[in-house]
Protein backbone atom coordinates (compact mmCIF):
# COMPACT_ATOMS: atom_id res chain seq x y z
CA MET A 1 36.18 151.09 41.30
CA LYS A 2 33.15 148.85 41.62
CA PHE A 3 32.40 150.04 45.26
CA LYS A 4 32.63 153.55 44.25
CA GLN A 5 30.31 152.75 41.18
CA TYR A 6 27.95 151.75 43.84
CA ILE A 7 28.26 154.95 45.76
CA LEU A 8 27.49 157.21 42.86
CA LEU A 9 24.46 154.80 41.75
CA VAL A 10 22.62 155.51 45.18
CA ALA A 11 23.73 159.18 45.71
CA PHE A 12 22.24 159.53 41.94
CA SER A 13 19.24 157.85 43.37
CA ILE A 14 18.86 159.51 46.61
CA GLY A 15 18.86 163.01 44.62
CA PHE A 16 16.40 161.96 42.43
CA VAL A 17 13.71 160.94 45.02
CA THR A 18 14.43 163.96 47.01
CA ILE A 19 13.99 165.88 44.46
CA ASN A 20 10.65 164.21 42.99
CA PHE A 21 9.16 164.09 46.49
CA ALA A 22 10.03 167.91 47.29
CA GLN A 23 8.09 168.96 44.61
CA HIS A 24 4.84 168.01 46.44
CA ARG A 25 3.41 170.94 48.26
CA ARG A 26 0.11 170.02 49.23
CA VAL A 27 2.02 167.74 52.15
CA PRO A 28 4.93 168.11 54.49
CA ILE A 29 7.29 165.68 53.38
CA LYS A 30 10.38 165.40 55.59
CA ASN A 31 14.00 164.19 53.99
CA GLY A 32 16.47 162.67 56.39
CA LEU A 33 19.89 161.21 56.11
CA GLY A 34 21.27 158.17 58.53
CA ILE A 35 24.23 156.30 59.82
CA GLN A 36 24.41 152.93 60.85
CA GLY A 37 26.60 150.40 62.69
CA GLY A 38 26.38 147.09 64.26
CA LEU A 39 27.06 143.28 64.23
CA THR A 40 26.06 140.64 62.09
CA GLN A 41 25.52 136.73 62.47
CA PHE A 42 26.52 135.40 58.54
CA ASP A 43 25.26 131.42 57.49
CA ILE A 44 25.13 130.21 53.96
CA ILE A 45 22.20 127.25 53.34
CA THR A 46 23.61 124.40 51.69
CA ASP A 47 23.47 120.61 51.48
CA ASN A 48 27.13 120.55 49.58
CA PHE A 49 29.07 121.62 52.99
CA ASP A 50 29.02 121.54 56.63
CA VAL A 51 28.43 125.02 57.40
CA GLN A 52 28.98 126.72 60.97
CA LYS A 53 27.38 130.19 61.24
CA GLY A 54 29.79 133.22 61.92
CA ASN A 55 29.78 136.85 63.35
CA GLY A 56 30.69 139.98 61.45
CA TRP A 57 30.13 143.68 61.27
CA ILE A 58 27.78 145.99 59.26
CA GLY A 59 27.98 149.90 58.72
CA GLY A 60 26.46 152.29 55.94
CA GLY A 61 24.25 155.19 55.47
CA SER A 62 20.97 155.97 53.95
CA ALA A 63 18.49 158.75 52.70
CA THR A 64 14.67 158.63 54.13
CA VAL A 65 11.88 160.21 52.67
CA ASP A 66 8.84 160.45 55.86
CA LEU A 67 5.45 160.12 54.25
CA PRO A 68 2.92 161.46 56.87
CA HIS A 69 -0.09 160.89 54.75
CA LYS A 70 0.55 157.32 54.08
CA PHE A 71 1.14 153.90 56.08
CA TYR A 72 4.79 153.40 54.90
CA ASN A 73 8.05 155.23 54.64
CA MET A 74 10.55 154.82 51.99
CA SER A 75 14.35 154.78 52.30
CA TYR A 76 17.68 154.06 49.99
CA SER A 77 20.73 152.57 51.74
CA ILE A 78 23.92 151.40 50.94
CA GLN A 79 25.41 149.07 53.51
CA LEU A 80 28.91 147.53 53.79
CA SER A 81 29.74 144.66 55.98
CA GLU A 82 32.51 142.07 56.47
CA ASN A 83 31.46 138.24 57.59
CA THR A 84 33.17 135.05 58.66
CA VAL A 85 31.76 131.64 58.09
CA GLY A 86 33.22 128.03 59.07
CA ILE A 87 33.38 125.32 56.37
CA ALA A 88 34.18 121.63 57.69
CA ALA A 89 37.47 120.26 56.29
CA ARG A 90 40.21 117.70 57.03
CA PRO A 91 44.11 117.77 56.50
CA ILE A 92 43.97 114.53 54.46
CA PRO A 93 41.39 112.90 53.05
CA LEU A 94 41.76 109.24 54.21
CA ILE A 95 41.13 110.18 57.95
CA THR A 96 37.53 111.44 59.53
CA SER A 97 38.46 113.90 62.05
CA GLU A 98 37.33 117.69 60.73
CA GLU A 99 37.50 120.75 61.83
CA TYR A 100 35.73 124.28 61.26
CA ILE A 101 38.00 126.26 58.86
CA ASP A 102 37.07 130.02 58.42
CA TYR A 103 36.42 131.94 55.48
CA LYS A 104 35.53 135.69 55.47
CA LEU A 105 33.43 137.75 52.77
CA PHE A 106 32.93 141.17 52.11
CA THR A 107 29.96 142.44 50.70
CA ALA A 108 28.25 146.24 49.31
CA GLN A 109 24.40 146.14 49.73
CA ILE A 110 22.49 148.37 48.28
CA THR A 111 18.51 148.36 49.00
CA LEU A 112 15.32 149.99 48.67
CA GLN A 113 12.65 149.49 51.48
CA ALA A 114 9.19 150.22 52.50
CA HIS A 115 9.09 151.26 56.35
CA ILE A 116 5.22 150.18 57.07
CA LYS A 117 4.20 151.96 60.07
CA ILE A 118 2.99 149.71 62.92
CA VAL A 119 3.23 152.64 66.00
CA GLU A 120 3.35 155.82 63.48
CA SER A 121 7.40 156.23 62.74
CA PHE A 122 8.39 154.90 66.06
CA LEU A 123 7.94 151.35 65.27
CA THR A 124 8.07 150.18 61.65
CA LEU A 125 8.26 146.85 59.59
CA ASP A 126 10.67 147.25 56.87
CA VAL A 127 10.97 145.29 53.84
CA GLY A 128 12.42 145.34 50.59
CA PRO A 129 14.84 144.42 47.69
CA MET A 130 18.29 144.06 48.02
CA LEU A 131 21.44 144.06 45.13
CA GLN A 132 24.90 142.81 46.34
CA TYR A 133 28.20 142.98 45.32
CA ASN A 134 30.57 140.49 47.49
CA SER A 135 34.15 139.38 47.08
CA GLU A 136 35.54 135.98 46.87
CA LEU A 137 35.04 133.40 49.99
CA GLU A 138 38.48 133.87 50.93
CA LEU A 139 40.75 131.55 53.36
CA LYS A 140 41.29 133.80 56.96
CA ASP A 141 44.40 131.73 57.24
CA ASP A 142 46.39 130.34 54.15
CA LYS A 143 47.82 127.18 55.95
CA TYR A 144 44.33 125.46 55.32
CA GLU A 145 44.35 126.20 51.56
CA ASN A 146 45.26 122.33 51.05
CA TYR A 147 42.67 120.67 53.59
CA PHE A 148 40.22 118.78 51.84
CA ILE A 149 36.76 119.63 52.16
CA SER A 150 34.25 117.46 54.16
CA ASN A 151 31.90 115.40 52.09
CA TYR A 152 34.40 115.61 48.89
CA ASN A 153 37.06 112.97 48.01
CA ASN A 154 39.34 115.45 46.41
CA LEU A 155 38.07 118.89 46.84
CA LEU A 156 40.55 121.56 48.31
CA ALA A 157 39.53 124.41 50.49
CA ASN A 158 40.86 127.20 48.39
CA GLU A 159 38.89 125.39 45.10
CA ILE A 160 35.48 126.61 46.90
CA SER A 161 36.70 130.59 46.81
CA ASP A 162 35.54 131.60 43.48
CA ILE A 163 31.68 132.41 44.06
CA SER A 164 28.97 134.57 42.32
CA LYS A 165 29.76 138.16 42.83
CA PHE A 166 26.48 139.52 41.85
CA ASN A 167 23.58 138.34 44.06
CA VAL A 168 19.82 139.40 44.53
CA ASP A 169 18.37 139.33 48.10
CA GLY A 170 15.32 140.49 50.33
CA ALA A 171 15.63 141.92 53.41
CA ILE A 172 13.07 142.14 56.39
CA GLY A 173 13.48 143.52 59.77
CA LEU A 174 12.07 145.93 62.21
CA SER A 175 13.04 149.47 63.52
CA ALA A 176 12.11 151.12 66.54
CA GLY A 177 13.51 154.62 68.45
CA ILE A 178 12.54 158.01 69.19
CA SER A 179 14.25 161.47 67.86
CA HIS A 180 17.66 160.89 65.86
CA PHE A 181 18.06 157.33 67.25
CA ARG A 182 16.79 154.01 65.87
CA LEU A 183 17.48 150.38 66.72
CA LYS A 184 17.40 147.66 63.89
CA ALA A 185 16.97 144.16 63.17
CA GLN A 186 17.46 142.84 59.80
CA TYR A 187 17.15 139.39 58.27
CA ILE A 188 18.47 139.15 54.74
CA TYR A 189 18.33 135.99 52.66
CA GLY A 190 20.12 135.68 49.48
CA PHE A 191 17.43 134.75 46.59
CA THR A 192 20.37 133.92 43.85
CA ASN A 193 22.61 130.94 44.34
CA MET A 194 26.04 132.13 45.38
CA PHE A 195 27.74 129.19 44.73
CA GLY A 196 26.62 129.27 41.14
CA LYS A 197 29.93 130.19 39.74
CA LEU A 198 31.74 126.84 41.50
CA ASN A 199 29.47 124.74 38.51
CA ASN A 200 31.59 126.38 35.61
CA ASN A 201 34.81 125.55 37.37
CA ASN A 202 35.48 121.45 36.60
CA LEU A 203 35.60 120.73 40.21
CA ASP A 204 36.15 117.30 41.28
CA THR A 205 32.99 116.34 43.43
CA SER A 206 33.55 112.70 43.83
CA GLY A 207 32.63 111.63 47.22
CA SER A 208 29.35 113.69 47.19
CA SER A 209 25.94 112.74 46.70
CA GLU A 210 25.65 116.43 45.42
CA SER A 211 26.82 116.90 41.68
CA LYS A 212 25.96 120.84 41.62
CA PHE A 213 26.88 123.48 43.99
CA LYS A 214 24.09 125.38 45.66
CA GLY A 215 24.17 128.11 48.37
CA ASN A 216 22.05 130.73 49.90
CA GLN A 217 23.04 133.80 52.01
CA SER A 218 21.52 134.20 55.09
CA MET A 219 22.35 137.18 57.29
CA LEU A 220 20.95 138.65 60.85
CA ALA A 221 22.10 142.06 61.39
CA PHE A 222 21.74 144.33 64.44
CA THR A 223 22.67 147.88 64.23
CA LEU A 224 21.74 151.53 65.81
CA MET A 225 20.89 154.01 63.53
CA ILE A 226 21.71 157.97 64.12
CA THR A 227 19.80 160.09 61.69
CA PHE A 228 20.15 163.75 60.95
């Protein structure tokens, strides 16, 4: 239901922008729609856990306002992705050997971006804010749920799943293409603490020098966009 609300919000925003800009009669303004899909590399920057980057997929759609009389274009977009990340853990607390256990994270992101024209519209620098709703940090295999997270004495793998659901990100990247095809490379950084909610769960942090949980999302996305 929450994902549907996001989609309705984006559709409304796109419609408003399209109507608003279409009223400008002096300069021909082009509105376009696009769909995109590709691959991601996901990481969480934190001092609490030993994290291993993981891979995933991303897809979505956008509405672009082409402004020939400006040095930039504008777009609204929504994108969905599923990513994996590894966190070091051990089967029993007394042994030192550890392994990376995989978690998965589903995200829905809404972004407003300016596309600064480097070579007209053929090569642009893309930058803008992003709102994100994400799922829990879910174990891919439940057999690891009673593993002990490295750097902690009694913290179990299934106890760090309940992370913050709403986050604010920033995105920057490059896009290049001709006609109806564009290649895009994007870096997304999370400004908010996605582990913030863990601090309210009275978790046992013994054994670690970090008494508070803090983590920031870091994601690379490489996509192909087709525009209409």
